[in-house]
Amino acid sequence: MPFSVLKTFNRLKQLTTDDEIIADALSLSQGLLEVSADRKSVKRALPLPEDLKTDSQSIYAVGLGVAMGRSVHRQC
């Protein structure tokens, strides 16, 4: 994933938009991620397992809206 995509995430924008800082931080991932040679993108070091059952572990929610000034969802 190009850093340009990562830098669209608000949380990362609050921390930094400097490619070198992002590359340094991601390179500390202990084998989970690989930073490209040009230090402008990142990918998984190991692919997701093929037997991963994402459909049975996912939900799709629409139209939650807002009720009484609070968000309808709760953290688990």
PDB file of N, CA and C in Angstrom:
ATOM      1  N   MET A   1       0.847  -1.151   0.000  1.00  0.00           N
ATOM      2  CA  MET A   1       0.000   0.000   0.000  1.00  0.00           C
ATOM      3  C   MET A   1       0.909   1.234   0.000  1.00  0.00           C
ATOM      4  N   PRO A   2       0.681   2.129  -0.918  1.00  0.00           N
ATOM      5  CA  PRO A   2       1.492   3.349  -0.969  1.00  0.00           C
ATOM      6  C   PRO A   2       1.270   4.215   0.270  1.00  0.00           C
ATOM      7  N   PHE A   3       2.314   4.862   0.727  1.00  0.00           N
ATOM      8  CA  PHE A   3       2.189   5.765   1.863  1.00  0.00           C
ATOM      9  C   PHE A   3       1.194   6.874   1.565  1.00  0.00           C
ATOM     10  N   SER A   4       1.048   7.236   0.298  1.00  0.00           N
ATOM     11  CA  SER A   4       0.086   8.296  -0.053  1.00  0.00           C
ATOM     12  C   SER A   4      -1.328   7.902   0.377  1.00  0.00           C
ATOM     13  N   VAL A   5      -1.643   6.616   0.347  1.00  0.00           N
ATOM     14  CA  VAL A   5      -2.955   6.143   0.807  1.00  0.00           C
ATOM     15  C   VAL A   5      -3.006   6.183   2.331  1.00  0.00           C
ATOM     16  N   LEU A   6      -1.955   5.700   2.987  1.00  0.00           N
ATOM     17  CA  LEU A   6      -1.912   5.723   4.449  1.00  0.00           C
ATOM     18  C   LEU A   6      -2.068   7.135   4.988  1.00  0.00           C
ATOM     19  N   LYS A   7      -1.484   8.099   4.285  1.00  0.00           N
ATOM     20  CA  LYS A   7      -1.523   9.483   4.759  1.00  0.00           C
ATOM     21  C   LYS A   7      -2.886  10.140   4.602  1.00  0.00           C
ATOM     22  N   THR A   8      -3.860   9.436   4.032  1.00  0.00           N
ATOM     23  CA  THR A   8      -5.231   9.962   3.989  1.00  0.00           C
ATOM     24  C   THR A   8      -5.985   9.635   5.271  1.00  0.00           C
ATOM     25  N   PHE A   9      -5.428   8.747   6.123  1.00  0.00           N
ATOM     26  CA  PHE A   9      -6.074   8.387   7.383  1.00  0.00           C
ATOM     27  C   PHE A   9      -5.866   9.513   8.390  1.00  0.00           C
ATOM     28  N   ASN A  10      -6.950   9.976   8.970  1.00  0.00           N
ATOM     29  CA  ASN A  10      -6.886  11.118   9.888  1.00  0.00           C
ATOM     30  C   ASN A  10      -5.929  10.892  11.045  1.00  0.00           C
ATOM     31  N   ARG A  11      -5.927   9.693  11.622  1.00  0.00           N
ATOM     32  CA  ARG A  11      -5.055   9.429  12.773  1.00  0.00           C
ATOM     33  C   ARG A  11      -3.590   9.606  12.395  1.00  0.00           C
ATOM     34  N   LEU A  12      -3.208   9.086  11.229  1.00  0.00           N
ATOM     35  CA  LEU A  12      -1.820   9.223  10.799  1.00  0.00           C
ATOM     36  C   LEU A  12      -1.502  10.682  10.479  1.00  0.00           C
ATOM     37  N   LYS A  13      -2.451  11.380   9.870  1.00  0.00           N
ATOM     38  CA  LYS A  13      -2.234  12.801   9.570  1.00  0.00           C
ATOM     39  C   LYS A  13      -1.943  13.599  10.829  1.00  0.00           C
ATOM     40  N   GLN A  14      -2.576  13.230  11.933  1.00  0.00           N
ATOM     41  CA  GLN A  14      -2.339  13.917  13.206  1.00  0.00           C
ATOM     42  C   GLN A  14      -0.932  13.641  13.733  1.00  0.00           C
ATOM     43  N   LEU A  15      -0.416  12.450  13.445  1.00  0.00           N
ATOM     44  CA  LEU A  15       0.911  12.077  13.941  1.00  0.00           C
ATOM     45  C   LEU A  15       2.026  12.596  13.050  1.00  0.00           C
ATOM     46  N   THR A  16       1.945  12.315  11.746  1.00  0.00           N
ATOM     47  CA  THR A  16       2.976  12.750  10.805  1.00  0.00           C
ATOM     48  C   THR A  16       2.513  12.514   9.374  1.00  0.00           C
ATOM     49  N   THR A  17       3.102  13.255   8.458  1.00  0.00           N
ATOM     50  CA  THR A  17       2.917  12.995   7.029  1.00  0.00           C
ATOM     51  C   THR A  17       4.279  12.804   6.362  1.00  0.00           C
ATOM     52  N   ASP A  18       5.322  12.678   7.171  1.00  0.00           N
ATOM     53  CA  ASP A  18       6.687  12.518   6.684  1.00  0.00           C
ATOM     54  C   ASP A  18       6.948  11.056   6.315  1.00  0.00           C
ATOM     55  N   ASP A  19       7.247  10.795   5.038  1.00  0.00           N
ATOM     56  CA  ASP A  19       7.469   9.427   4.565  1.00  0.00           C
ATOM     57  C   ASP A  19       8.589   8.716   5.318  1.00  0.00           C
ATOM     58  N   GLU A  20       9.634   9.426   5.672  1.00  0.00           N
ATOM     59  CA  GLU A  20      10.761   8.801   6.379  1.00  0.00           C
ATOM     60  C   GLU A  20      10.355   8.324   7.765  1.00  0.00           C
ATOM     61  N   ILE A  21       9.583   9.118   8.464  1.00  0.00           N
ATOM     62  CA  ILE A  21       9.112   8.725   9.798  1.00  0.00           C
ATOM     63  C   ILE A  21       8.182   7.527   9.694  1.00  0.00           C
ATOM     64  N   ILE A  22       7.286   7.547   8.707  1.00  0.00           N
ATOM     65  CA  ILE A  22       6.366   6.422   8.498  1.00  0.00           C
ATOM     66  C   ILE A  22       7.159   5.158   8.176  1.00  0.00           C
ATOM     67  N   ALA A  23       8.117   5.247   7.273  1.00  0.00           N
ATOM     68  CA  ALA A  23       8.936   4.088   6.897  1.00  0.00           C
ATOM     69  C   ALA A  23       9.706   3.546   8.097  1.00  0.00           C
ATOM     70  N   ASP A  24      10.291   4.432   8.890  1.00  0.00           N
ATOM     71  CA  ASP A  24      11.032   3.997  10.074  1.00  0.00           C
ATOM     72  C   ASP A  24      10.123   3.265  11.055  1.00  0.00           C
ATOM     73  N   ALA A  25       8.940   3.813  11.295  1.00  0.00           N
ATOM     74  CA  ALA A  25       8.007   3.199  12.242  1.00  0.00           C
ATOM     75  C   ALA A  25       7.528   1.841  11.741  1.00  0.00           C
ATOM     76  N   LEU A  26       7.177   1.754  10.462  1.00  0.00           N
ATOM     77  CA  LEU A  26       6.675   0.493   9.922  1.00  0.00           C
ATOM     78  C   LEU A  26       7.768  -0.566   9.834  1.00  0.00           C
ATOM     79  N   SER A  27       8.998  -0.154   9.683  1.00  0.00           N
ATOM     80  CA  SER A  27      10.090  -1.124   9.594  1.00  0.00           C
ATOM     81  C   SER A  27      10.355  -1.797  10.942  1.00  0.00           C
ATOM     82  N   LEU A  28       9.802  -1.267  12.009  1.00  0.00           N
ATOM     83  CA  LEU A  28       9.937  -1.864  13.342  1.00  0.00           C
ATOM     84  C   LEU A  28       8.871  -2.927  13.617  1.00  0.00           C
ATOM     85  N   SER A  29       8.122  -3.330  12.619  1.00  0.00           N
ATOM     86  CA  SER A  29       6.970  -4.210  12.806  1.00  0.00           C
ATOM     87  C   SER A  29       7.312  -5.652  13.154  1.00  0.00           C
ATOM     88  N   GLN A  30       8.585  -6.007  13.251  1.00  0.00           N
ATOM     89  CA  GLN A  30       9.001  -7.349  13.667  1.00  0.00           C
ATOM     90  C   GLN A  30       8.459  -8.451  12.757  1.00  0.00           C
ATOM     91  N   GLY A  31       8.646  -8.299  11.455  1.00  0.00           N
ATOM     92  CA  GLY A  31       8.277  -9.347  10.516  1.00  0.00           C
ATOM     93  C   GLY A  31       6.840  -9.353  10.043  1.00  0.00           C
ATOM     94  N   LEU A  32       6.037  -8.396  10.482  1.00  0.00           N
ATOM     95  CA  LEU A  32       4.645  -8.343  10.034  1.00  0.00           C
ATOM     96  C   LEU A  32       4.491  -7.604   8.717  1.00  0.00           C
ATOM     97  N   LEU A  33       5.311  -6.568   8.537  1.00  0.00           N
ATOM     98  CA  LEU A  33       5.210  -5.726   7.351  1.00  0.00           C
ATOM     99  C   LEU A  33       6.570  -5.593   6.686  1.00  0.00           C
ATOM    100  N   GLU A  34       6.541  -5.319   5.388  1.00  0.00           N
ATOM    101  CA  GLU A  34       7.767  -5.052   4.630  1.00  0.00           C
ATOM    102  C   GLU A  34       7.653  -3.685   3.973  1.00  0.00           C
ATOM    103  N   VAL A  35       8.614  -2.835   4.251  1.00  0.00           N
ATOM    104  CA  VAL A  35       8.678  -1.522   3.617  1.00  0.00           C
ATOM    105  C   VAL A  35       9.459  -1.687   2.319  1.00  0.00           C
ATOM    106  N   SER A  36       8.965  -1.091   1.243  1.00  0.00           N
ATOM    107  CA  SER A  36       9.617  -1.216  -0.065  1.00  0.00           C
ATOM    108  C   SER A  36      11.012  -0.594  -0.054  1.00  0.00           C
ATOM    109  N   ALA A  37      11.823  -0.970  -1.020  1.00  0.00           N
ATOM    110  CA  ALA A  37      13.190  -0.464  -1.124  1.00  0.00           C
ATOM    111  C   ALA A  37      13.224   1.057  -1.289  1.00  0.00           C
ATOM    112  N   ASP A  38      12.243   1.608  -1.998  1.00  0.00           N
ATOM    113  CA  ASP A  38      12.206   3.066  -2.172  1.00  0.00           C
ATOM    114  C   ASP A  38      11.572   3.787  -0.971  1.00  0.00           C
ATOM    115  N   ARG A  39      11.115   3.002   0.031  1.00  0.00           N
ATOM    116  CA  ARG A  39      10.534   3.521   1.277  1.00  0.00           C
ATOM    117  C   ARG A  39       9.313   4.402   1.027  1.00  0.00           C
ATOM    118  N   LYS A  40       8.488   3.984   0.058  1.00  0.00           N
ATOM    119  CA  LYS A  40       7.281   4.744  -0.268  1.00  0.00           C
ATOM    120  C   LYS A  40       6.012   3.895  -0.202  1.00  0.00           C
ATOM    121  N   SER A  41       6.163   2.593   0.161  1.00  0.00           N
ATOM    122  CA  SER A  41       4.988   1.729   0.286  1.00  0.00           C
ATOM    123  C   SER A  41       5.290   0.598   1.262  1.00  0.00           C
ATOM    124  N   VAL A  42       4.237  -0.096   1.665  1.00  0.00           N
ATOM    125  CA  VAL A  42       4.356  -1.180   2.635  1.00  0.00           C
ATOM    126  C   VAL A  42       3.427  -2.314   2.202  1.00  0.00           C
ATOM    127  N   LYS A  43       3.813  -3.550   2.552  1.00  0.00           N
ATOM    128  CA  LYS A  43       2.948  -4.696   2.289  1.00  0.00           C
ATOM    129  C   LYS A  43       3.114  -5.694   3.426  1.00  0.00           C
ATOM    130  N   ARG A  44       2.197  -6.652   3.497  1.00  0.00           N
ATOM    131  CA  ARG A  44       2.294  -7.715   4.493  1.00  0.00           C
ATOM    132  C   ARG A  44       3.528  -8.551   4.211  1.00  0.00           C
ATOM    133  N   ALA A  45       4.204  -8.990   5.243  1.00  0.00           N
ATOM    134  CA  ALA A  45       5.351  -9.880   5.069  1.00  0.00           C
ATOM    135  C   ALA A  45       4.868 -11.282   4.713  1.00  0.00           C
ATOM    136  N   LEU A  46       3.760 -11.690   5.294  1.00  0.00           N
ATOM    137  CA  LEU A  46       3.160 -12.991   5.004  1.00  0.00           C
ATOM    138  C   LEU A  46       1.733 -12.767   4.520  1.00  0.00           C
ATOM    139  N   PRO A  47       1.300 -13.501   3.491  1.00  0.00           N
ATOM    140  CA  PRO A  47      -0.075 -13.326   3.016  1.00  0.00           C
ATOM    141  C   PRO A  47      -1.080 -13.828   4.046  1.00  0.00           C
ATOM    142  N   LEU A  48      -2.315 -13.343   3.928  1.00  0.00           N
ATOM    143  CA  LEU A  48      -3.374 -13.857   4.788  1.00  0.00           C
ATOM    144  C   LEU A  48      -3.591 -15.333   4.482  1.00  0.00           C
ATOM    145  N   PRO A  49      -3.928 -16.130   5.492  1.00  0.00           N
ATOM    146  CA  PRO A  49      -4.184 -17.544   5.228  1.00  0.00           C
ATOM    147  C   PRO A  49      -5.382 -17.717   4.293  1.00  0.00           C
ATOM    148  N   GLU A  50      -5.286 -18.683   3.391  1.00  0.00           N
ATOM    149  CA  GLU A  50      -6.381 -18.907   2.441  1.00  0.00           C
ATOM    150  C   GLU A  50      -7.637 -19.429   3.118  1.00  0.00           C
ATOM    151  N   ASP A  51      -7.497 -20.095   4.258  1.00  0.00           N
ATOM    152  CA  ASP A  51      -8.657 -20.655   4.943  1.00  0.00           C
ATOM    153  C   ASP A  51      -9.313 -19.662   5.901  1.00  0.00           C
ATOM    154  N   LEU A  52      -8.909 -18.403   5.849  1.00  0.00           N
ATOM    155  CA  LEU A  52      -9.501 -17.381   6.697  1.00  0.00           C
ATOM    156  C   LEU A  52     -10.961 -17.182   6.302  1.00  0.00           C
ATOM    157  N   LYS A  53     -11.865 -17.307   7.254  1.00  0.00           N
ATOM    158  CA  LYS A  53     -13.302 -17.225   6.971  1.00  0.00           C
ATOM    159  C   LYS A  53     -13.813 -15.827   7.321  1.00  0.00           C
ATOM    160  N   THR A  54     -13.481 -14.875   6.483  1.00  0.00           N
ATOM    161  CA  THR A  54     -13.845 -13.489   6.772  1.00  0.00           C
ATOM    162  C   THR A  54     -15.355 -13.261   6.706  1.00  0.00           C
ATOM    163  N   ASP A  55     -16.082 -13.975   5.839  1.00  0.00           N
ATOM    164  CA  ASP A  55     -17.527 -13.773   5.743  1.00  0.00           C
ATOM    165  C   ASP A  55     -18.233 -14.112   7.044  1.00  0.00           C
ATOM    166  N   SER A  56     -17.808 -15.180   7.710  1.00  0.00           N
ATOM    167  CA  SER A  56     -18.460 -15.579   8.952  1.00  0.00           C
ATOM    168  C   SER A  56     -18.025 -14.730  10.134  1.00  0.00           C
ATOM    169  N   GLN A  57     -17.001 -13.892   9.950  1.00  0.00           N
ATOM    170  CA  GLN A  57     -16.502 -13.055  11.035  1.00  0.00           C
ATOM    171  C   GLN A  57     -16.733 -11.574  10.755  1.00  0.00           C
ATOM    172  N   SER A  58     -17.602 -11.251   9.806  1.00  0.00           N
ATOM    173  CA  SER A  58     -17.841  -9.867   9.412  1.00  0.00           C
ATOM    174  C   SER A  58     -19.315  -9.526   9.521  1.00  0.00           C
ATOM    175  N   ILE A  59     -19.593  -8.235   9.696  1.00  0.00           N
ATOM    176  CA  ILE A  59     -20.967  -7.760   9.670  1.00  0.00           C
ATOM    177  C   ILE A  59     -21.059  -6.611   8.681  1.00  0.00           C
ATOM    178  N   TYR A  60     -22.260  -6.357   8.209  1.00  0.00           N
ATOM    179  CA  TYR A  60     -22.514  -5.234   7.322  1.00  0.00           C
ATOM    180  C   TYR A  60     -23.660  -4.450   7.937  1.00  0.00           C
ATOM    181  N   ALA A  61     -23.413  -3.210   8.298  1.00  0.00           N
ATOM    182  CA  ALA A  61     -24.427  -2.399   8.953  1.00  0.00           C
ATOM    183  C   ALA A  61     -24.622  -1.104   8.179  1.00  0.00           C
ATOM    184  N   VAL A  62     -25.890  -0.734   7.975  1.00  0.00           N
ATOM    185  CA  VAL A  62     -26.211   0.519   7.294  1.00  0.00           C
ATOM    186  C   VAL A  62     -27.288   1.256   8.086  1.00  0.00           C
ATOM    187  N   GLY A  63     -27.345   2.544   7.880  1.00  0.00           N
ATOM    188  CA  GLY A  63     -28.426   3.344   8.448  1.00  0.00           C
ATOM    189  C   GLY A  63     -28.467   3.373   9.962  1.00  0.00           C
ATOM    190  N   LEU A  64     -27.318   3.373  10.630  1.00  0.00           N
ATOM    191  CA  LEU A  64     -27.330   3.403  12.083  1.00  0.00           C
ATOM    192  C   LEU A  64     -27.818   4.732  12.617  1.00  0.00           C
ATOM    193  N   GLY A  65     -27.434   5.807  11.971  1.00  0.00           N
ATOM    194  CA  GLY A  65     -27.921   7.122  12.358  1.00  0.00           C
ATOM    195  C   GLY A  65     -27.465   7.550  13.739  1.00  0.00           C
ATOM    196  N   VAL A  66     -28.133   8.574  14.252  1.00  0.00           N
ATOM    197  CA  VAL A  66     -27.822   9.120  15.564  1.00  0.00           C
ATOM    198  C   VAL A  66     -29.120   9.208  16.357  1.00  0.00           C
ATOM    199  N   ALA A  67     -29.090   8.772  17.612  1.00  0.00           N
ATOM    200  CA  ALA A  67     -30.281   8.821  18.463  1.00  0.00           C
ATOM    201  C   ALA A  67     -29.978   9.657  19.701  1.00  0.00           C
ATOM    202  N   MET A  68     -30.813  10.626  20.004  1.00  0.00           N
ATOM    203  CA  MET A  68     -30.684  11.479  21.183  1.00  0.00           C
ATOM    204  C   MET A  68     -29.287  12.069  21.336  1.00  0.00           C
ATOM    205  N   GLY A  69     -28.692  12.491  20.236  1.00  0.00           N
ATOM    206  CA  GLY A  69     -27.404  13.150  20.296  1.00  0.00           C
ATOM    207  C   GLY A  69     -26.228  12.223  20.511  1.00  0.00           C
ATOM    208  N   ARG A  70     -26.467  10.919  20.583  1.00  0.00           N
ATOM    209  CA  ARG A  70     -25.383   9.952  20.747  1.00  0.00           C
ATOM    210  C   ARG A  70     -25.416   8.966  19.602  1.00  0.00           C
ATOM    211  N   SER A  71     -24.280   8.441  19.303  1.00  0.00           N
ATOM    212  CA  SER A  71     -24.190   7.420  18.275  1.00  0.00           C
ATOM    213  C   SER A  71     -24.905   6.163  18.762  1.00  0.00           C
ATOM    214  N   VAL A  72     -25.574   5.452  17.869  1.00  0.00           N
ATOM    215  CA  VAL A  72     -26.352   4.281  18.228  1.00  0.00           C
ATOM    216  C   VAL A  72     -25.469   3.089  18.561  1.00  0.00           C
ATOM    217  N   HIS A  73     -24.276   3.012  18.003  1.00  0.00           N
ATOM    218  CA  HIS A  73     -23.418   1.838  18.230  1.00  0.00           C
ATOM    219  C   HIS A  73     -22.694   1.932  19.579  1.00  0.00           C
ATOM    220  N   ARG A  74     -22.323   0.771  20.084  1.00  0.00           N
ATOM    221  CA  ARG A  74     -21.558   0.702  21.323  1.00  0.00           C
ATOM    222  C   ARG A  74     -20.280  -0.068  21.079  1.00  0.00           C
ATOM    223  N   GLN A  75     -19.250   0.269  21.828  1.00  0.00           N
ATOM    224  CA  GLN A  75     -18.011  -0.498  21.732  1.00  0.00           C
ATOM    225  C   GLN A  75     -18.182  -1.777  22.527  1.00  0.00           C
ATOM    226  N   CYS A  76     -17.614  -2.847  21.996  1.00  0.00           N
ATOM    227  CA  CYS A  76     -17.697  -4.135  22.687  1.00  0.00           C
ATOM    228  C   CYS A  76     -16.509  -4.312  23.590  1.00  0.00           C
TER     229      CYS A  76
END
